[in-house]
Amino acid sequence: MVAANVAAGVEASPSSVWFTESGGARLAVRDWVLPPAPARGMVLIVHGLGEHSARHQRLASRLVEVGFCVRSYDQYGHGESQGARGGMDHAKRFTVDLAHVLNQTISGMSLDMPLILLGHSFGGLVAANFIAEKRARVHGLVLSSPALDPGLSAVQKALVSTLPHVVPNLRVSNGLPLEYLTHDVSVIDAYRADPLVHRYVSARLGRFIADAGPATVAKAAEWTVPTLLMWAGQDKLVAPAGSRAFAAKAPADVVRSKEFGDLYHEIFNELHAEPVYAELLAWLDERFPAQPR
């Protein structure tokens, strides 16, 4: 499944998994091996709802190829980590776990190495909300189709406002329309067949998604962390309006924004993803240039 997500001409970088404990839950952490050379920086990937770190093999391989160390982790209730699938045992679970992995990562880095957060979809919401709360200082942030607006109907908004108080651990299908994940059918087929993928969301997690997006967008005007915000114009899994609203409010000299009008949700896994990678690599070259060897 992982190899199928690696673009032609890009060698899959090997990765290894280890475990750490955060707030009483064991989390799986994945590191991609960097060829022997000075690293340009560390990129910490935060994955989306229902998926897991290994699905970002293609992206990680491209980053390793240009000299970055890459780490990701399976969020609580996802992949090889502990927790009910799609569950959330307390209101700060996902940002607390990110802080834990981030601090562990920083402790193993040299002081002059840049640290970049890269969050996709729900992971983009977690990463952006984490930065909005000023929980840590990172050198850069990349957001890929972040769930800043989940596109809830009036009925769904009423439910996520009520159910967490009554049955916070109730889990239902997340209802994601997988046919709009990407135009690459092989990626969709691999997603459906992946035993580590789940399709659940709890009432408490739904409430977090509904609340954290608007709260993060509300702080866009105060943004100080250099950010690359990219989203799909044809996204049917999250509403592009959330990214557009953030981009409109954020300082243009801090946040670079790019909408890919014809793409679906997983912009790094699209059939025509090269313009997305070109945008990412150009931003990284500008902000974190390779040092002479």
Protein backbone atom coordinates (compact mmCIF):
# COMPACT_ATOMS: atom_id res chain seq x y z
CA MET A 1 0.00 0.00 0.00
CA VAL A 2 2.75 2.45 0.94
CA ALA A 3 4.82 1.82 -2.18
CA ALA A 4 1.77 2.52 -4.35
CA ASN A 5 1.67 6.06 -3.00
CA VAL A 6 5.21 6.87 -4.16
CA ALA A 7 5.39 8.77 -7.43
CA ALA A 8 7.23 7.32 -10.40
CA GLY A 9 10.89 8.30 -10.27
CA VAL A 10 10.85 8.88 -6.52
CA GLU A 11 12.52 6.19 -4.48
CA ALA A 12 10.63 5.22 -1.33
CA SER A 13 12.73 6.23 1.66
CA PRO A 14 12.85 3.54 4.37
CA SER A 15 11.19 4.33 7.67
CA SER A 16 11.19 2.91 11.18
CA VAL A 17 8.56 2.96 13.92
CA TRP A 18 9.00 3.40 17.65
CA PHE A 19 6.57 4.14 20.47
CA THR A 20 6.19 6.88 23.06
CA GLU A 21 3.65 7.47 25.82
CA SER A 22 1.61 10.66 25.96
CA GLY A 23 -1.04 11.19 28.62
CA GLY A 24 -1.36 7.48 29.32
CA ALA A 25 -1.68 6.46 25.66
CA ARG A 26 0.98 4.78 23.54
CA LEU A 27 1.65 6.59 20.27
CA ALA A 28 3.44 5.18 17.23
CA VAL A 29 6.14 7.49 15.85
CA ARG A 30 7.60 7.03 12.37
CA ASP A 31 11.01 8.30 11.23
CA TRP A 32 12.24 8.36 7.65
CA VAL A 33 15.92 7.67 7.09
CA LEU A 34 17.97 10.58 5.80
CA PRO A 35 20.91 9.80 3.49
CA PRO A 36 24.26 10.57 5.18
CA ALA A 37 24.53 14.34 4.74
CA PRO A 38 23.85 17.45 6.84
CA ALA A 39 20.08 17.86 7.21
CA ARG A 40 18.38 21.10 6.18
CA GLY A 41 15.81 20.75 8.93
CA MET A 42 13.18 18.52 10.50
CA VAL A 43 9.64 18.24 9.13
CA LEU A 44 7.02 16.84 11.52
CA ILE A 45 3.93 15.60 9.64
CA VAL A 46 0.53 15.51 11.36
CA HIS A 47 -1.85 13.22 9.44
CA GLY A 48 -5.58 13.51 8.79
CA LEU A 49 -8.74 11.98 10.20
CA GLY A 50 -9.00 8.20 9.91
CA GLU A 51 -5.58 7.69 8.33
CA HIS A 52 -2.06 7.22 9.71
CA SER A 53 1.56 8.28 9.29
CA ALA A 54 2.59 5.64 6.72
CA ARG A 55 0.16 7.07 4.17
CA HIS A 56 2.51 10.04 3.83
CA GLN A 57 5.36 7.96 2.43
CA ARG A 58 5.29 9.76 -0.92
CA LEU A 59 5.52 13.20 0.68
CA ALA A 60 8.18 12.08 3.14
CA SER A 61 10.30 10.61 0.34
CA ARG A 62 10.23 13.89 -1.56
CA LEU A 63 11.30 15.80 1.54
CA VAL A 64 14.09 13.36 2.33
CA GLU A 65 15.22 13.61 -1.28
CA VAL A 66 15.91 17.33 -0.83
CA GLY A 67 17.68 16.95 2.51
CA PHE A 68 15.07 17.10 5.29
CA CYS A 69 14.66 14.73 8.20
CA VAL A 70 11.02 13.65 8.40
CA ARG A 71 9.01 12.40 11.35
CA SER A 72 5.32 11.68 11.77
CA TYR A 73 3.18 9.91 14.33
CA ASP A 74 -0.14 8.13 14.47
CA GLN A 75 -2.53 10.38 16.36
CA TYR A 76 -4.57 9.06 19.28
CA GLY A 77 -7.16 6.57 18.05
CA HIS A 78 -5.41 6.17 14.70
CA GLY A 79 -3.04 3.74 13.03
CA GLU A 80 -0.85 1.82 15.45
CA SER A 81 -1.48 4.19 18.36
CA GLN A 82 -3.77 3.45 21.29
CA GLY A 83 -7.26 4.86 21.75
CA ALA A 84 -10.73 4.07 20.44
CA ARG A 85 -10.81 4.55 16.67
CA GLY A 86 -12.01 8.09 16.07
CA GLY A 87 -12.18 8.73 19.81
CA MET A 88 -11.00 11.64 21.93
CA ASP A 89 -10.69 11.06 25.66
CA HIS A 90 -10.30 14.72 26.67
CA ALA A 91 -10.63 18.13 25.06
CA LYS A 92 -6.89 18.77 24.59
CA ARG A 93 -5.85 15.25 23.59
CA PHE A 94 -4.56 16.04 20.08
CA THR A 95 -2.70 19.25 20.87
CA VAL A 96 -1.21 17.69 24.02
CA ASP A 97 0.04 14.74 21.96
CA LEU A 98 1.51 17.08 19.35
CA ALA A 99 3.29 19.01 22.10
CA HIS A 100 4.68 15.75 23.49
CA VAL A 101 6.05 14.53 20.15
CA LEU A 102 7.30 18.01 19.28
CA ASN A 103 9.20 18.34 22.55
CA GLN A 104 10.74 14.90 22.14
CA THR A 105 11.77 15.85 18.62
CA ILE A 106 13.32 19.15 19.71
CA SER A 107 15.28 17.44 22.48
CA GLY A 108 17.03 15.27 19.89
CA MET A 109 17.84 18.08 17.45
CA SER A 110 20.77 20.45 17.20
CA LEU A 111 19.92 23.99 18.28
CA ASP A 112 20.43 25.45 14.80
CA MET A 113 18.19 22.96 12.97
CA PRO A 114 14.88 24.42 11.71
CA LEU A 115 11.68 22.62 12.71
CA ILE A 116 8.70 22.74 10.35
CA LEU A 117 5.21 21.44 11.15
CA LEU A 118 3.26 20.03 8.21
CA GLY A 119 -0.40 19.25 8.86
CA HIS A 120 -2.84 17.68 6.43
CA SER A 121 -6.64 17.97 6.72
CA PHE A 122 -7.60 17.24 10.36
CA GLY A 123 -3.86 17.21 11.08
CA GLY A 124 -3.69 20.69 9.58
CA LEU A 125 -6.40 21.80 11.98
CA VAL A 126 -4.51 20.30 14.93
CA ALA A 127 -1.24 21.92 13.86
CA ALA A 128 -2.79 25.33 13.13
CA ASN A 129 -4.79 25.31 16.37
CA PHE A 130 -1.61 24.37 18.23
CA ILE A 131 0.20 27.37 16.74
CA ALA A 132 -2.79 29.67 17.32
CA GLU A 133 -2.70 28.79 21.01
CA LYS A 134 1.02 29.69 21.01
CA ARG A 135 1.86 26.35 22.58
CA ALA A 136 5.30 26.18 20.97
CA ARG A 137 7.63 28.06 18.69
CA VAL A 138 8.41 26.41 15.38
CA HIS A 139 10.27 27.85 12.42
CA GLY A 140 7.62 27.16 9.82
CA LEU A 141 4.18 25.68 9.20
CA VAL A 142 2.78 23.99 6.10
CA LEU A 143 -0.97 23.39 5.86
CA SER A 144 -2.41 21.00 3.28
CA SER A 145 -6.21 21.19 2.83
CA PRO A 146 -6.63 22.00 6.55
CA ALA A 147 -10.02 21.31 8.14
CA LEU A 148 -10.54 24.94 9.17
CA ASP A 149 -14.15 24.63 8.01
CA PRO A 150 -15.57 21.08 8.05
CA GLY A 151 -18.55 22.23 6.00
CA LEU A 152 -21.19 21.15 8.53
CA SER A 153 -24.89 21.60 7.82
CA ALA A 154 -27.15 23.35 10.34
CA VAL A 155 -28.36 19.97 11.59
CA GLN A 156 -24.80 18.67 11.99
CA LYS A 157 -23.81 21.81 13.89
CA ALA A 158 -26.73 21.30 16.27
CA LEU A 159 -25.71 17.69 16.84
CA VAL A 160 -22.05 18.45 17.59
CA SER A 161 -23.18 21.13 20.03
CA THR A 162 -25.46 18.74 21.91
CA LEU A 163 -24.13 15.19 21.71
CA PRO A 164 -20.75 15.75 23.41
CA HIS A 165 -22.60 16.71 26.60
CA VAL A 166 -24.79 13.60 26.49
CA VAL A 167 -22.75 10.85 24.81
CA PRO A 168 -19.22 12.23 24.26
CA ASN A 169 -17.81 8.82 23.32
CA LEU A 170 -20.53 7.92 20.83
CA ARG A 171 -18.79 7.02 17.57
CA VAL A 172 -20.40 7.20 14.15
CA SER A 173 -19.17 7.01 10.57
CA ASN A 174 -17.19 10.08 9.57
CA GLY A 175 -19.08 10.08 6.27
CA LEU A 176 -16.08 11.12 4.18
CA PRO A 177 -16.83 10.70 0.45
CA LEU A 178 -13.77 8.71 -0.58
CA GLU A 179 -14.40 9.16 -4.30
CA TYR A 180 -13.28 12.77 -3.77
CA LEU A 181 -10.10 11.89 -1.86
CA THR A 182 -7.98 12.27 -5.02
CA HIS A 183 -8.30 11.72 -8.76
CA ASP A 184 -5.82 8.82 -8.42
CA VAL A 185 -7.98 5.69 -8.16
CA SER A 186 -5.02 3.57 -7.01
CA VAL A 187 -4.68 5.78 -3.91
CA ILE A 188 -8.39 5.43 -3.15
CA ASP A 189 -8.24 1.64 -3.60
CA ALA A 190 -5.24 1.45 -1.26
CA TYR A 191 -7.06 3.60 1.29
CA ARG A 192 -10.12 1.32 1.24
CA ALA A 193 -7.95 -1.80 1.63
CA ASP A 194 -5.70 -0.39 4.37
CA PRO A 195 -6.38 -2.19 7.69
CA LEU A 196 -4.96 0.77 9.65
CA VAL A 197 -7.48 3.22 8.18
CA HIS A 198 -10.76 3.71 10.05
CA ARG A 199 -13.95 5.66 9.29
CA TYR A 200 -15.14 6.74 12.75
CA VAL A 201 -15.54 10.01 14.59
CA SER A 202 -16.78 10.49 18.16
CA ALA A 203 -19.12 13.22 19.36
CA ARG A 204 -16.32 14.86 21.35
CA LEU A 205 -13.95 14.80 18.37
CA GLY A 206 -16.67 16.24 16.15
CA ARG A 207 -17.12 19.10 18.60
CA PHE A 208 -13.37 19.77 18.59
CA ILE A 209 -13.30 19.95 14.79
CA ALA A 210 -16.35 22.24 14.70
CA ASP A 211 -14.95 24.62 17.33
CA ALA A 212 -11.20 24.64 16.62
CA GLY A 213 -11.49 25.70 12.97
CA PRO A 214 -13.33 29.00 13.52
CA ALA A 215 -11.21 29.70 16.63
CA THR A 216 -8.05 29.32 14.54
CA VAL A 217 -9.33 31.44 11.65
CA ALA A 218 -10.24 34.15 14.17
CA LYS A 219 -6.54 34.44 15.08
CA ALA A 220 -5.25 34.58 11.50
CA ALA A 221 -4.65 38.34 11.61
CA GLU A 222 -2.22 37.81 14.52
CA TRP A 223 -0.21 35.10 12.72
CA THR A 224 3.58 35.32 13.13
CA VAL A 225 4.84 31.86 12.12
CA PRO A 226 5.96 31.66 8.46
CA THR A 227 3.27 29.54 6.83
CA LEU A 228 2.56 27.93 3.48
CA LEU A 229 -1.19 27.33 3.12
CA MET A 230 -2.30 25.15 0.19
CA TRP A 231 -5.74 23.77 -0.49
CA ALA A 232 -7.86 22.05 -3.12
CA GLY A 233 -10.45 24.10 -4.95
CA GLN A 234 -12.60 21.01 -5.58
CA ASP A 235 -12.38 19.70 -2.01
CA LYS A 236 -15.48 17.78 -0.92
CA LEU A 237 -14.06 16.48 2.40
CA VAL A 238 -13.48 19.88 4.01
CA ALA A 239 -14.82 23.25 2.89
CA PRO A 240 -12.26 25.36 0.97
CA ALA A 241 -13.98 28.39 2.51
CA GLY A 242 -12.03 27.84 5.73
CA SER A 243 -8.66 28.16 4.00
CA ARG A 244 -9.86 31.11 1.95
CA ALA A 245 -11.04 32.92 5.08
CA PHE A 246 -7.73 32.29 6.85
CA ALA A 247 -5.75 33.47 3.81
CA ALA A 248 -7.84 36.65 3.56
CA LYS A 249 -7.20 37.59 7.20
CA ALA A 250 -3.56 36.52 7.60
CA PRO A 251 -0.61 38.88 6.98
CA ALA A 252 0.52 38.33 3.38
CA ASP A 253 4.19 38.61 4.33
CA VAL A 254 3.79 35.75 6.83
CA VAL A 255 1.35 33.40 5.12
CA ARG A 256 1.77 32.36 1.50
CA SER A 257 -1.50 30.99 0.13
CA LYS A 258 -2.16 28.86 -2.93
CA GLU A 259 -5.40 27.31 -4.13
CA PHE A 260 -5.19 24.43 -6.61
CA GLY A 261 -8.51 24.87 -8.35
CA ASP A 262 -8.87 21.49 -10.08
CA LEU A 263 -7.58 19.21 -7.32
CA TYR A 264 -9.36 17.08 -4.75
CA HIS A 265 -8.59 16.86 -1.03
CA GLU A 266 -5.25 14.97 -0.92
CA ILE A 267 -3.23 17.43 -2.97
CA PHE A 268 0.06 15.58 -2.42
CA ASN A 269 -1.51 12.33 -3.68
CA GLU A 270 -3.12 13.75 -6.82
CA LEU A 271 -2.43 12.54 -10.36
CA HIS A 272 -1.09 16.00 -11.18
CA ALA A 273 0.61 16.76 -7.88
CA GLU A 274 3.87 18.16 -9.29
CA PRO A 275 2.74 21.82 -9.07
CA VAL A 276 1.92 21.18 -5.39
CA TYR A 277 5.36 19.75 -4.71
CA ALA A 278 6.95 22.58 -6.69
CA GLU A 279 5.17 25.14 -4.50
CA LEU A 280 6.23 23.34 -1.32
CA LEU A 281 9.86 22.91 -2.35
CA ALA A 282 10.15 26.51 -3.57
CA TRP A 283 8.83 27.79 -0.23
CA LEU A 284 11.24 25.55 1.67
CA ASP A 285 14.15 26.71 -0.52
CA GLU A 286 13.25 30.32 0.19
CA ARG A 287 12.80 29.90 3.94
CA PHE A 288 15.26 27.08 4.69
CA PRO A 289 17.89 27.01 1.94
CA ALA A 290 20.31 24.14 1.64
CA GLN A 291 23.69 24.89 3.16
CA PRO A 292 26.92 24.39 1.16
CA ARG A 293 28.44 20.99 1.88
